[in-house]
Amino acid sequence: MRQSNIIDEIHKIRQDYAERFNNDLHAICQDAIHKQGCTNRQVIPANPKPIQNSYLNVNIASKAKEEMGSK
């Protein structure tokens, strides 16, 4: 399968960006948060939706909270 030049360029940009932070994911995320704060756009955090496991018919988020509370 042949990759396009655009895909190669995206990979190169991503690799260069990660190398600026020594591939430290925490530092990369902190930079992204800083960049978000520098814009004039309103950042609206997404509220995670609870995961429903239909096989077990259990709300996984609620189950985890119950288990954490019992410890």
C-alpha atoms as a PDB file:
ATOM      1  CA  MET A   1       0.000   0.000   0.000  1.00  0.00           C
ATOM      2  CA  ARG A   2       1.461   3.338  -1.048  1.00  0.00           C
ATOM      3  CA  GLN A   3       1.285   6.230   1.415  1.00  0.00           C
ATOM      4  CA  SER A   4       0.591   9.685   0.136  1.00  0.00           C
ATOM      5  CA  ASN A   5       2.918  12.628   0.612  1.00  0.00           C
ATOM      6  CA  ILE A   6       0.290  14.296   2.803  1.00  0.00           C
ATOM      7  CA  ILE A   7       0.249  11.383   5.251  1.00  0.00           C
ATOM      8  CA  ASP A   8       4.056  11.348   5.341  1.00  0.00           C
ATOM      9  CA  GLU A   9       4.074  15.083   6.055  1.00  0.00           C
ATOM     10  CA  ILE A  10       1.533  14.706   8.878  1.00  0.00           C
ATOM     11  CA  HIS A  11       3.631  11.941  10.452  1.00  0.00           C
ATOM     12  CA  LYS A  12       6.760  14.099  10.194  1.00  0.00           C
ATOM     13  CA  ILE A  13       5.028  17.098  11.824  1.00  0.00           C
ATOM     14  CA  ARG A  14       3.667  14.889  14.614  1.00  0.00           C
ATOM     15  CA  GLN A  15       7.088  13.327  15.186  1.00  0.00           C
ATOM     16  CA  ASP A  16       8.825  16.730  15.274  1.00  0.00           C
ATOM     17  CA  TYR A  17       6.236  18.060  17.726  1.00  0.00           C
ATOM     18  CA  ALA A  18       6.677  15.059  20.034  1.00  0.00           C
ATOM     19  CA  GLU A  19      10.465  15.356  19.891  1.00  0.00           C
ATOM     20  CA  ARG A  20      10.226  18.988  21.044  1.00  0.00           C
ATOM     21  CA  PHE A  21       8.931  17.575  24.339  1.00  0.00           C
ATOM     22  CA  ASN A  22      11.169  14.484  24.423  1.00  0.00           C
ATOM     23  CA  ASN A  23       8.076  12.374  23.670  1.00  0.00           C
ATOM     24  CA  ASP A  24       6.690  13.269  27.112  1.00  0.00           C
ATOM     25  CA  LEU A  25       2.906  12.950  26.787  1.00  0.00           C
ATOM     26  CA  HIS A  26       2.282  15.043  29.911  1.00  0.00           C
ATOM     27  CA  ALA A  27       4.366  17.924  28.513  1.00  0.00           C
ATOM     28  CA  ILE A  28       2.615  17.673  25.130  1.00  0.00           C
ATOM     29  CA  CYS A  29      -0.797  17.857  26.830  1.00  0.00           C
ATOM     30  CA  GLN A  30       0.301  20.830  28.947  1.00  0.00           C
ATOM     31  CA  ASP A  31       1.368  22.633  25.763  1.00  0.00           C
ATOM     32  CA  ALA A  32      -2.001  21.891  24.142  1.00  0.00           C
ATOM     33  CA  ILE A  33      -3.838  23.227  27.205  1.00  0.00           C
ATOM     34  CA  HIS A  34      -1.668  26.352  27.144  1.00  0.00           C
ATOM     35  CA  LYS A  35      -2.396  26.871  23.436  1.00  0.00           C
ATOM     36  CA  GLN A  36      -6.135  26.485  24.073  1.00  0.00           C
ATOM     37  CA  GLY A  37      -5.950  29.174  26.753  1.00  0.00           C
ATOM     38  CA  CYS A  38      -4.219  31.586  24.356  1.00  0.00           C
ATOM     39  CA  THR A  39      -7.096  31.591  21.868  1.00  0.00           C
ATOM     40  CA  ASN A  40     -10.164  33.808  22.007  1.00  0.00           C
ATOM     41  CA  ARG A  41     -12.433  30.789  21.663  1.00  0.00           C
ATOM     42  CA  GLN A  42     -14.566  29.472  24.491  1.00  0.00           C
ATOM     43  CA  VAL A  43     -13.449  25.976  25.472  1.00  0.00           C
ATOM     44  CA  ILE A  44     -16.364  23.830  26.577  1.00  0.00           C
ATOM     45  CA  PRO A  45     -15.310  20.620  28.319  1.00  0.00           C
ATOM     46  CA  ALA A  46     -17.104  17.499  27.218  1.00  0.00           C
ATOM     47  CA  ASN A  47     -18.891  15.569  29.924  1.00  0.00           C
ATOM     48  CA  PRO A  48     -18.109  11.875  29.540  1.00  0.00           C
ATOM     49  CA  LYS A  49     -21.139   9.699  29.029  1.00  0.00           C
ATOM     50  CA  PRO A  50     -21.430   6.606  31.202  1.00  0.00           C
ATOM     51  CA  ILE A  51     -20.535   3.402  29.428  1.00  0.00           C
ATOM     52  CA  GLN A  52     -23.350   0.876  29.350  1.00  0.00           C
ATOM     53  CA  ASN A  53     -22.321  -2.737  29.025  1.00  0.00           C
ATOM     54  CA  SER A  54     -25.362  -4.294  27.389  1.00  0.00           C
ATOM     55  CA  TYR A  55     -24.029  -7.821  27.834  1.00  0.00           C
ATOM     56  CA  LEU A  56     -23.899  -7.486  31.607  1.00  0.00           C
ATOM     57  CA  ASN A  57     -26.602  -4.794  31.738  1.00  0.00           C
ATOM     58  CA  VAL A  58     -24.402  -2.785  34.097  1.00  0.00           C
ATOM     59  CA  ASN A  59     -23.481   0.888  34.067  1.00  0.00           C
ATOM     60  CA  ILE A  60     -19.691   0.569  34.308  1.00  0.00           C
ATOM     61  CA  ALA A  61     -19.115   4.094  35.695  1.00  0.00           C
ATOM     62  CA  SER A  62     -21.653   3.569  38.499  1.00  0.00           C
ATOM     63  CA  LYS A  63     -20.222   0.157  39.303  1.00  0.00           C
ATOM     64  CA  ALA A  64     -16.694   1.613  39.542  1.00  0.00           C
ATOM     65  CA  LYS A  65     -17.880   4.388  41.882  1.00  0.00           C
ATOM     66  CA  GLU A  66     -19.572   1.817  44.123  1.00  0.00           C
ATOM     67  CA  GLU A  67     -16.416  -0.295  44.276  1.00  0.00           C
ATOM     68  CA  MET A  68     -14.233   2.726  45.037  1.00  0.00           C
ATOM     69  CA  GLY A  69     -16.585   3.785  47.835  1.00  0.00           C
ATOM     70  CA  SER A  70     -16.463   0.396  49.495  1.00  0.00           C
ATOM     71  CA  LYS A  71     -12.652   0.388  49.773  1.00  0.00           C
END
